[in-house]
Amino acid sequence: MLGKDCRHDCNSSSCPFAQDTRNPDRYVCLKCGVERDINQYSSGIRFFWLLILALLIAFQLLANGEKQNDQKQQKQKSVSNSLHQVISYQQ
């Protein structure tokens, strides 16, 4: 978008943008100085969201692992209770 203080008759189709030699993602209009970035989000924000996503996946995997362990323990208890009932019935 153009700045409100732009004194030149520029629009997105006629602005003569030049690429910044130090930052290839940054372009500046030679007439009015409007800056445009190809990558709107910095790498820090991307890293933050990737970290959040990784944490969510890790918590989900841990929750599933605990659920499976609980199911195994319940099966072992039911098997041991069944064996105990069979042994006590035989005696």
PDB file of N, CA and C in Angstrom:
ATOM      1  N   MET A   1       0.838  -1.174   0.000  1.00  0.00           N
ATOM      2  CA  MET A   1       0.000   0.000   0.000  1.00  0.00           C
ATOM      3  C   MET A   1       0.885   1.240   0.000  1.00  0.00           C
ATOM      4  N   LEU A   2       0.342   2.257  -0.579  1.00  0.00           N
ATOM      5  CA  LEU A   2       1.081   3.513  -0.637  1.00  0.00           C
ATOM      6  C   LEU A   2       0.886   4.295   0.642  1.00  0.00           C
ATOM      7  N   GLY A   3       1.921   5.026   1.011  1.00  0.00           N
ATOM      8  CA  GLY A   3       1.814   5.856   2.187  1.00  0.00           C
ATOM      9  C   GLY A   3       0.894   7.038   1.934  1.00  0.00           C
ATOM     10  N   LYS A   4       0.255   7.533   2.956  1.00  0.00           N
ATOM     11  CA  LYS A   4      -0.662   8.663   2.801  1.00  0.00           C
ATOM     12  C   LYS A   4       0.093   9.948   2.461  1.00  0.00           C
ATOM     13  N   ASP A   5       1.388   9.970   2.802  1.00  0.00           N
ATOM     14  CA  ASP A   5       2.175  11.166   2.547  1.00  0.00           C
ATOM     15  C   ASP A   5       2.905  11.123   1.204  1.00  0.00           C
ATOM     16  N   CYS A   6       2.514  10.186   0.347  1.00  0.00           N
ATOM     17  CA  CYS A   6       3.152  10.070  -0.969  1.00  0.00           C
ATOM     18  C   CYS A   6       2.746  11.251  -1.832  1.00  0.00           C
ATOM     19  N   ARG A   7       3.732  11.990  -2.345  1.00  0.00           N
ATOM     20  CA  ARG A   7       3.454  13.176  -3.141  1.00  0.00           C
ATOM     21  C   ARG A   7       3.531  12.898  -4.651  1.00  0.00           C
ATOM     22  N   HIS A   8       3.858  11.670  -4.980  1.00  0.00           N
ATOM     23  CA  HIS A   8       3.969  11.307  -6.392  1.00  0.00           C
ATOM     24  C   HIS A   8       2.731  10.536  -6.818  1.00  0.00           C
ATOM     25  N   ASP A   9       2.465  10.600  -8.085  1.00  0.00           N
ATOM     26  CA  ASP A   9       1.304   9.892  -8.624  1.00  0.00           C
ATOM     27  C   ASP A   9       1.723   8.451  -8.924  1.00  0.00           C
ATOM     28  N   CYS A  10       1.785   7.626  -7.871  1.00  0.00           N
ATOM     29  CA  CYS A  10       2.194   6.232  -8.015  1.00  0.00           C
ATOM     30  C   CYS A  10       1.009   5.322  -7.729  1.00  0.00           C
ATOM     31  N   ASN A  11       0.987   4.218  -8.370  1.00  0.00           N
ATOM     32  CA  ASN A  11       0.101   3.125  -7.980  1.00  0.00           C
ATOM     33  C   ASN A  11       0.857   1.825  -8.199  1.00  0.00           C
ATOM     34  N   SER A  12       0.263   0.732  -7.824  1.00  0.00           N
ATOM     35  CA  SER A  12       1.012  -0.528  -7.846  1.00  0.00           C
ATOM     36  C   SER A  12       1.457  -0.920  -9.247  1.00  0.00           C
ATOM     37  N   SER A  13       0.766  -0.440 -10.278  1.00  0.00           N
ATOM     38  CA  SER A  13       1.160  -0.808 -11.636  1.00  0.00           C
ATOM     39  C   SER A  13       2.228   0.115 -12.217  1.00  0.00           C
ATOM     40  N   SER A  14       2.374   1.331 -11.668  1.00  0.00           N
ATOM     41  CA  SER A  14       3.343   2.243 -12.268  1.00  0.00           C
ATOM     42  C   SER A  14       4.504   2.599 -11.338  1.00  0.00           C
ATOM     43  N   CYS A  15       4.522   2.066 -10.103  1.00  0.00           N
ATOM     44  CA  CYS A  15       5.643   2.346  -9.204  1.00  0.00           C
ATOM     45  C   CYS A  15       6.903   1.655  -9.721  1.00  0.00           C
ATOM     46  N   PRO A  16       7.974   2.393  -9.879  1.00  0.00           N
ATOM     47  CA  PRO A  16       9.233   1.772 -10.317  1.00  0.00           C
ATOM     48  C   PRO A  16       9.978   1.169  -9.114  1.00  0.00           C
ATOM     49  N   PHE A  17       9.666  -0.086  -8.782  1.00  0.00           N
ATOM     50  CA  PHE A  17      10.287  -0.741  -7.639  1.00  0.00           C
ATOM     51  C   PHE A  17      11.682  -1.224  -7.990  1.00  0.00           C
ATOM     52  N   ALA A  18      12.574  -1.070  -7.026  1.00  0.00           N
ATOM     53  CA  ALA A  18      13.940  -1.564  -7.164  1.00  0.00           C
ATOM     54  C   ALA A  18      14.225  -2.494  -5.991  1.00  0.00           C
ATOM     55  N   GLN A  19      14.963  -3.565  -6.280  1.00  0.00           N
ATOM     56  CA  GLN A  19      15.282  -4.540  -5.239  1.00  0.00           C
ATOM     57  C   GLN A  19      16.438  -4.043  -4.377  1.00  0.00           C
ATOM     58  N   ASP A  20      16.292  -4.221  -3.063  1.00  0.00           N
ATOM     59  CA  ASP A  20      17.348  -3.864  -2.111  1.00  0.00           C
ATOM     60  C   ASP A  20      18.495  -4.852  -2.300  1.00  0.00           C
ATOM     61  N   THR A  21      19.712  -4.342  -2.455  1.00  0.00           N
ATOM     62  CA  THR A  21      20.859  -5.230  -2.690  1.00  0.00           C
ATOM     63  C   THR A  21      21.239  -6.024  -1.455  1.00  0.00           C
ATOM     64  N   ARG A  22      20.921  -5.517  -0.268  1.00  0.00           N
ATOM     65  CA  ARG A  22      21.260  -6.223   0.977  1.00  0.00           C
ATOM     66  C   ARG A  22      20.169  -7.190   1.431  1.00  0.00           C
ATOM     67  N   ASN A  23      18.930  -6.975   0.950  1.00  0.00           N
ATOM     68  CA  ASN A  23      17.805  -7.827   1.341  1.00  0.00           C
ATOM     69  C   ASN A  23      16.999  -8.145   0.078  1.00  0.00           C
ATOM     70  N   PRO A  24      17.166  -9.348  -0.494  1.00  0.00           N
ATOM     71  CA  PRO A  24      16.493  -9.668  -1.757  1.00  0.00           C
ATOM     72  C   PRO A  24      14.972  -9.768  -1.641  1.00  0.00           C
ATOM     73  N   ASP A  25      14.419  -9.817  -0.426  1.00  0.00           N
ATOM     74  CA  ASP A  25      12.970  -9.873  -0.245  1.00  0.00           C
ATOM     75  C   ASP A  25      12.342  -8.491  -0.146  1.00  0.00           C
ATOM     76  N   ARG A  26      13.155  -7.449  -0.163  1.00  0.00           N
ATOM     77  CA  ARG A  26      12.656  -6.079   0.044  1.00  0.00           C
ATOM     78  C   ARG A  26      12.761  -5.288  -1.260  1.00  0.00           C
ATOM     79  N   TYR A  27      11.656  -4.629  -1.604  1.00  0.00           N
ATOM     80  CA  TYR A  27      11.615  -3.761  -2.775  1.00  0.00           C
ATOM     81  C   TYR A  27      11.175  -2.369  -2.337  1.00  0.00           C
ATOM     82  N   VAL A  28      11.738  -1.333  -2.954  1.00  0.00           N
ATOM     83  CA  VAL A  28      11.425   0.055  -2.615  1.00  0.00           C
ATOM     84  C   VAL A  28      11.088   0.800  -3.905  1.00  0.00           C
ATOM     85  N   CYS A  29      10.007   1.609  -3.828  1.00  0.00           N
ATOM     86  CA  CYS A  29       9.638   2.443  -4.975  1.00  0.00           C
ATOM     87  C   CYS A  29      10.636   3.592  -5.071  1.00  0.00           C
ATOM     88  N   LEU A  30      11.168   3.808  -6.260  1.00  0.00           N
ATOM     89  CA  LEU A  30      12.152   4.868  -6.447  1.00  0.00           C
ATOM     90  C   LEU A  30      11.524   6.261  -6.399  1.00  0.00           C
ATOM     91  N   LYS A  31      10.232   6.367  -6.669  1.00  0.00           N
ATOM     92  CA  LYS A  31       9.564   7.670  -6.633  1.00  0.00           C
ATOM     93  C   LYS A  31       9.131   8.055  -5.215  1.00  0.00           C
ATOM     94  N   CYS A  32       8.379   7.164  -4.566  1.00  0.00           N
ATOM     95  CA  CYS A  32       7.753   7.556  -3.293  1.00  0.00           C
ATOM     96  C   CYS A  32       8.354   6.871  -2.075  1.00  0.00           C
ATOM     97  N   GLY A  33       9.202   5.883  -2.271  1.00  0.00           N
ATOM     98  CA  GLY A  33       9.847   5.234  -1.135  1.00  0.00           C
ATOM     99  C   GLY A  33       9.017   4.161  -0.444  1.00  0.00           C
ATOM    100  N   VAL A  34       7.901   3.764  -1.043  1.00  0.00           N
ATOM    101  CA  VAL A  34       7.074   2.701  -0.452  1.00  0.00           C
ATOM    102  C   VAL A  34       7.863   1.403  -0.467  1.00  0.00           C
ATOM    103  N   GLU A  35       7.834   0.713   0.653  1.00  0.00           N
ATOM    104  CA  GLU A  35       8.559  -0.555   0.767  1.00  0.00           C
ATOM    105  C   GLU A  35       7.594  -1.720   0.631  1.00  0.00           C
ATOM    106  N   ARG A  36       8.049  -2.754  -0.013  1.00  0.00           N
ATOM    107  CA  ARG A  36       7.285  -4.001  -0.116  1.00  0.00           C
ATOM    108  C   ARG A  36       8.222  -5.145   0.193  1.00  0.00           C
ATOM    109  N   ASP A  37       7.720  -6.068   0.996  1.00  0.00           N
ATOM    110  CA  ASP A  37       8.475  -7.278   1.311  1.00  0.00           C
ATOM    111  C   ASP A  37       7.777  -8.460   0.664  1.00  0.00           C
ATOM    112  N   ILE A  38       8.561  -9.318   0.036  1.00  0.00           N
ATOM    113  CA  ILE A  38       7.991 -10.534  -0.547  1.00  0.00           C
ATOM    114  C   ILE A  38       7.550 -11.458   0.572  1.00  0.00           C
ATOM    115  N   ASN A  39       8.411 -11.681   1.533  1.00  0.00           N
ATOM    116  CA  ASN A  39       8.075 -12.505   2.691  1.00  0.00           C
ATOM    117  C   ASN A  39       7.543 -11.574   3.772  1.00  0.00           C
ATOM    118  N   GLN A  40       6.241 -11.641   3.997  1.00  0.00           N
ATOM    119  CA  GLN A  40       5.625 -10.725   4.941  1.00  0.00           C
ATOM    120  C   GLN A  40       5.953 -11.086   6.379  1.00  0.00           C
ATOM    121  N   TYR A  41       6.200 -12.354   6.651  1.00  0.00           N
ATOM    122  CA  TYR A  41       6.452 -12.789   8.018  1.00  0.00           C
ATOM    123  C   TYR A  41       7.933 -13.109   8.179  1.00  0.00           C
ATOM    124  N   SER A  42       8.472 -12.691   9.283  1.00  0.00           N
ATOM    125  CA  SER A  42       9.880 -12.967   9.527  1.00  0.00           C
ATOM    126  C   SER A  42      10.061 -14.431   9.896  1.00  0.00           C
ATOM    127  N   SER A  43      11.282 -14.899   9.831  1.00  0.00           N
ATOM    128  CA  SER A  43      11.557 -16.299  10.152  1.00  0.00           C
ATOM    129  C   SER A  43      11.303 -16.586  11.628  1.00  0.00           C
ATOM    130  N   GLY A  44      11.358 -15.579  12.483  1.00  0.00           N
ATOM    131  CA  GLY A  44      11.086 -15.769  13.906  1.00  0.00           C
ATOM    132  C   GLY A  44       9.650 -16.188  14.159  1.00  0.00           C
ATOM    133  N   ILE A  45       8.730 -15.614  13.419  1.00  0.00           N
ATOM    134  CA  ILE A  45       7.319 -15.976  13.580  1.00  0.00           C
ATOM    135  C   ILE A  45       7.086 -17.393  13.079  1.00  0.00           C
ATOM    136  N   ARG A  46       7.702 -17.739  11.970  1.00  0.00           N
ATOM    137  CA  ARG A  46       7.571 -19.106  11.456  1.00  0.00           C
ATOM    138  C   ARG A  46       8.135 -20.114  12.450  1.00  0.00           C
ATOM    139  N   PHE A  47       9.286 -19.797  13.024  1.00  0.00           N
ATOM    140  CA  PHE A  47       9.889 -20.676  14.013  1.00  0.00           C
ATOM    141  C   PHE A  47       8.966 -20.855  15.212  1.00  0.00           C
ATOM    142  N   PHE A  48       8.343 -19.776  15.661  1.00  0.00           N
ATOM    143  CA  PHE A  48       7.415 -19.828  16.790  1.00  0.00           C
ATOM    144  C   PHE A  48       6.251 -20.779  16.494  1.00  0.00           C
ATOM    145  N   TRP A  49       5.638 -20.650  15.319  1.00  0.00           N
ATOM    146  CA  TRP A  49       4.500 -21.497  14.978  1.00  0.00           C
ATOM    147  C   TRP A  49       4.925 -22.945  14.777  1.00  0.00           C
ATOM    148  N   LEU A  50       6.103 -23.176  14.230  1.00  0.00           N
ATOM    149  CA  LEU A  50       6.595 -24.550  14.102  1.00  0.00           C
ATOM    150  C   LEU A  50       6.851 -25.164  15.478  1.00  0.00           C
ATOM    151  N   LEU A  51       7.348 -24.360  16.404  1.00  0.00           N
ATOM    152  CA  LEU A  51       7.574 -24.831  17.764  1.00  0.00           C
ATOM    153  C   LEU A  51       6.252 -25.191  18.436  1.00  0.00           C
ATOM    154  N   ILE A  52       5.252 -24.342  18.286  1.00  0.00           N
ATOM    155  CA  ILE A  52       3.926 -24.621  18.852  1.00  0.00           C
ATOM    156  C   ILE A  52       3.360 -25.907  18.254  1.00  0.00           C
ATOM    157  N   LEU A  53       3.480 -26.075  16.951  1.00  0.00           N
ATOM    158  CA  LEU A  53       2.987 -27.279  16.288  1.00  0.00           C
ATOM    159  C   LEU A  53       3.713 -28.526  16.801  1.00  0.00           C
ATOM    160  N   ALA A  54       5.025 -28.442  16.951  1.00  0.00           N
ATOM    161  CA  ALA A  54       5.798 -29.573  17.456  1.00  0.00           C
ATOM    162  C   ALA A  54       5.389 -29.930  18.885  1.00  0.00           C
ATOM    163  N   LEU A  55       5.150 -28.923  19.713  1.00  0.00           N
ATOM    164  CA  LEU A  55       4.712 -29.186  21.083  1.00  0.00           C
ATOM    165  C   LEU A  55       3.342 -29.853  21.113  1.00  0.00           C
ATOM    166  N   LEU A  56       2.428 -29.396  20.278  1.00  0.00           N
ATOM    167  CA  LEU A  56       1.106 -30.010  20.223  1.00  0.00           C
ATOM    168  C   LEU A  56       1.184 -31.473  19.793  1.00  0.00           C
ATOM    169  N   ILE A  57       2.018 -31.759  18.811  1.00  0.00           N
ATOM    170  CA  ILE A  57       2.185 -33.142  18.357  1.00  0.00           C
ATOM    171  C   ILE A  57       2.801 -33.991  19.456  1.00  0.00           C
ATOM    172  N   ALA A  58       3.796 -33.462  20.153  1.00  0.00           N
ATOM    173  CA  ALA A  58       4.441 -34.210  21.239  1.00  0.00           C
ATOM    174  C   ALA A  58       3.445 -34.508  22.362  1.00  0.00           C
ATOM    175  N   PHE A  59       2.636 -33.519  22.752  1.00  0.00           N
ATOM    176  CA  PHE A  59       1.636 -33.748  23.797  1.00  0.00           C
ATOM    177  C   PHE A  59       0.610 -34.782  23.358  1.00  0.00           C
ATOM    178  N   GLN A  60       0.221 -34.744  22.087  1.00  0.00           N
ATOM    179  CA  GLN A  60      -0.750 -35.716  21.583  1.00  0.00           C
ATOM    180  C   GLN A  60      -0.164 -37.123  21.617  1.00  0.00           C
ATOM    181  N   LEU A  61       1.092 -37.263  21.226  1.00  0.00           N
ATOM    182  CA  LEU A  61       1.742 -38.577  21.267  1.00  0.00           C
ATOM    183  C   LEU A  61       1.864 -39.086  22.704  1.00  0.00           C
ATOM    184  N   LEU A  62       2.201 -38.206  23.632  1.00  0.00           N
ATOM    185  CA  LEU A  62       2.301 -38.605  25.032  1.00  0.00           C
ATOM    186  C   LEU A  62       0.939 -39.029  25.573  1.00  0.00           C
ATOM    187  N   ALA A  63      -0.094 -38.310  25.235  1.00  0.00           N
ATOM    188  CA  ALA A  63      -1.438 -38.645  25.705  1.00  0.00           C
ATOM    189  C   ALA A  63      -1.883 -39.994  25.156  1.00  0.00           C
ATOM    190  N   ASN A  64      -1.577 -40.262  23.888  1.00  0.00           N
ATOM    191  CA  ASN A  64      -1.933 -41.555  23.301  1.00  0.00           C
ATOM    192  C   ASN A  64      -1.146 -42.683  23.954  1.00  0.00           C
ATOM    193  N   GLY A  65       0.122 -42.441  24.268  1.00  0.00           N
ATOM    194  CA  GLY A  65       0.946 -43.454  24.928  1.00  0.00           C
ATOM    195  C   GLY A  65       0.422 -43.785  26.314  1.00  0.00           C
ATOM    196  N   GLU A  66       0.021 -42.774  27.058  1.00  0.00           N
ATOM    197  CA  GLU A  66      -0.540 -43.004  28.397  1.00  0.00           C
ATOM    198  C   GLU A  66      -1.866 -43.749  28.303  1.00  0.00           C
ATOM    199  N   LYS A  67      -2.662 -43.430  27.322  1.00  0.00           N
ATOM    200  CA  LYS A  67      -3.947 -44.103  27.139  1.00  0.00           C
ATOM    201  C   LYS A  67      -3.724 -45.586  26.839  1.00  0.00           C
ATOM    202  N   GLN A  68      -2.744 -45.883  25.991  1.00  0.00           N
ATOM    203  CA  GLN A  68      -2.442 -47.279  25.666  1.00  0.00           C
ATOM    204  C   GLN A  68      -1.921 -48.020  26.896  1.00  0.00           C
ATOM    205  N   ASN A  69      -1.093 -47.357  27.704  1.00  0.00           N
ATOM    206  CA  ASN A  69      -0.593 -47.991  28.924  1.00  0.00           C
ATOM    207  C   ASN A  69      -1.741 -48.293  29.886  1.00  0.00           C
ATOM    208  N   ASP A  70      -2.687 -47.385  30.021  1.00  0.00           N
ATOM    209  CA  ASP A  70      -3.845 -47.607  30.888  1.00  0.00           C
ATOM    210  C   ASP A  70      -4.662 -48.791  30.393  1.00  0.00           C
ATOM    211  N   GLN A  71      -4.835 -48.896  29.079  1.00  0.00           N
ATOM    212  CA  GLN A  71      -5.598 -50.012  28.524  1.00  0.00           C
ATOM    213  C   GLN A  71      -4.886 -51.337  28.787  1.00  0.00           C
ATOM    214  N   LYS A  72      -3.565 -51.359  28.656  1.00  0.00           N
ATOM    215  CA  LYS A  72      -2.801 -52.581  28.926  1.00  0.00           C
ATOM    216  C   LYS A  72      -2.919 -52.982  30.387  1.00  0.00           C
ATOM    217  N   GLN A  73      -2.846 -52.011  31.286  1.00  0.00           N
ATOM    218  CA  GLN A  73      -2.966 -52.308  32.716  1.00  0.00           C
ATOM    219  C   GLN A  73      -4.344 -52.853  33.042  1.00  0.00           C
ATOM    220  N   GLN A  74      -5.389 -52.292  32.423  1.00  0.00           N
ATOM    221  CA  GLN A  74      -6.739 -52.778  32.665  1.00  0.00           C
ATOM    222  C   GLN A  74      -6.900 -54.200  32.156  1.00  0.00           C
ATOM    223  N   LYS A  75      -6.311 -54.516  30.996  1.00  0.00           N
ATOM    224  CA  LYS A  75      -6.367 -55.879  30.464  1.00  0.00           C
ATOM    225  C   LYS A  75      -5.641 -56.843  31.391  1.00  0.00           C
ATOM    226  N   GLN A  76      -4.471 -56.421  31.883  1.00  0.00           N
ATOM    227  CA  GLN A  76      -3.707 -57.291  32.791  1.00  0.00           C
ATOM    228  C   GLN A  76      -4.490 -57.529  34.070  1.00  0.00           C
ATOM    229  N   LYS A  77      -5.159 -56.531  34.601  1.00  0.00           N
ATOM    230  CA  LYS A  77      -5.956 -56.694  35.818  1.00  0.00           C
ATOM    231  C   LYS A  77      -7.117 -57.630  35.570  1.00  0.00           C
ATOM    232  N   SER A  78      -7.785 -57.486  34.427  1.00  0.00           N
ATOM    233  CA  SER A  78      -8.925 -58.353  34.140  1.00  0.00           C
ATOM    234  C   SER A  78      -8.483 -59.786  33.943  1.00  0.00           C
ATOM    235  N   VAL A  79      -7.328 -60.004  33.318  1.00  0.00           N
ATOM    236  CA  VAL A  79      -6.798 -61.355  33.139  1.00  0.00           C
ATOM    237  C   VAL A  79      -6.413 -61.951  34.490  1.00  0.00           C
ATOM    238  N   SER A  80      -5.761 -61.160  35.325  1.00  0.00           N
ATOM    239  CA  SER A  80      -5.363 -61.681  36.633  1.00  0.00           C
ATOM    240  C   SER A  80      -6.590 -61.951  37.502  1.00  0.00           C
ATOM    241  N   ASN A  81      -7.624 -61.119  37.421  1.00  0.00           N
ATOM    242  CA  ASN A  81      -8.862 -61.366  38.159  1.00  0.00           C
ATOM    243  C   ASN A  81      -9.538 -62.639  37.668  1.00  0.00           C
ATOM    244  N   SER A  82      -9.532 -62.850  36.352  1.00  0.00           N
ATOM    245  CA  SER A  82     -10.127 -64.069  35.793  1.00  0.00           C
ATOM    246  C   SER A  82      -9.368 -65.292  36.260  1.00  0.00           C
ATOM    247  N   LEU A  83      -8.045 -65.219  36.249  1.00  0.00           N
ATOM    248  CA  LEU A  83      -7.226 -66.342  36.717  1.00  0.00           C
ATOM    249  C   LEU A  83      -7.466 -66.591  38.196  1.00  0.00           C
ATOM    250  N   HIS A  84      -7.573 -65.550  38.968  1.00  0.00           N
ATOM    251  CA  HIS A  84      -7.812 -65.681  40.398  1.00  0.00           C
ATOM    252  C   HIS A  84      -9.161 -66.362  40.648  1.00  0.00           C
ATOM    253  N   GLN A  85     -10.176 -65.990  39.836  1.00  0.00           N
ATOM    254  CA  GLN A  85     -11.503 -66.604  39.998  1.00  0.00           C
ATOM    255  C   GLN A  85     -11.455 -68.070  39.604  1.00  0.00           C
ATOM    256  N   VAL A  86     -10.717 -68.391  38.542  1.00  0.00           N
ATOM    257  CA  VAL A  86     -10.608 -69.797  38.111  1.00  0.00           C
ATOM    258  C   VAL A  86      -9.891 -70.610  39.176  1.00  0.00           C
ATOM    259  N   ILE A  87      -8.827 -70.091  39.738  1.00  0.00           N
ATOM    260  CA  ILE A  87      -8.057 -70.812  40.756  1.00  0.00           C
ATOM    261  C   ILE A  87      -8.908 -70.988  42.008  1.00  0.00           C
ATOM    262  N   SER A  88      -9.605 -69.947  42.430  1.00  0.00           N
ATOM    263  CA  SER A  88     -10.431 -70.064  43.633  1.00  0.00           C
ATOM    264  C   SER A  88     -11.632 -70.991  43.401  1.00  0.00           C
ATOM    265  N   TYR A  89     -12.148 -71.082  42.164  1.00  0.00           N
ATOM    266  CA  TYR A  89     -13.252 -71.980  41.840  1.00  0.00           C
ATOM    267  C   TYR A  89     -12.795 -73.439  41.904  1.00  0.00           C
ATOM    268  N   GLN A  90     -11.550 -73.679  41.450  1.00  0.00           N
ATOM    269  CA  GLN A  90     -11.008 -75.044  41.454  1.00  0.00           C
ATOM    270  C   GLN A  90     -10.722 -75.516  42.869  1.00  0.00           C
ATOM    271  N   GLN A  91     -10.452 -74.653  43.774  1.00  0.00           N
ATOM    272  CA  GLN A  91     -10.113 -75.062  45.134  1.00  0.00           C
ATOM    273  C   GLN A  91     -11.358 -75.277  45.866  1.00  0.00           C
TER     274      GLN A  91
END
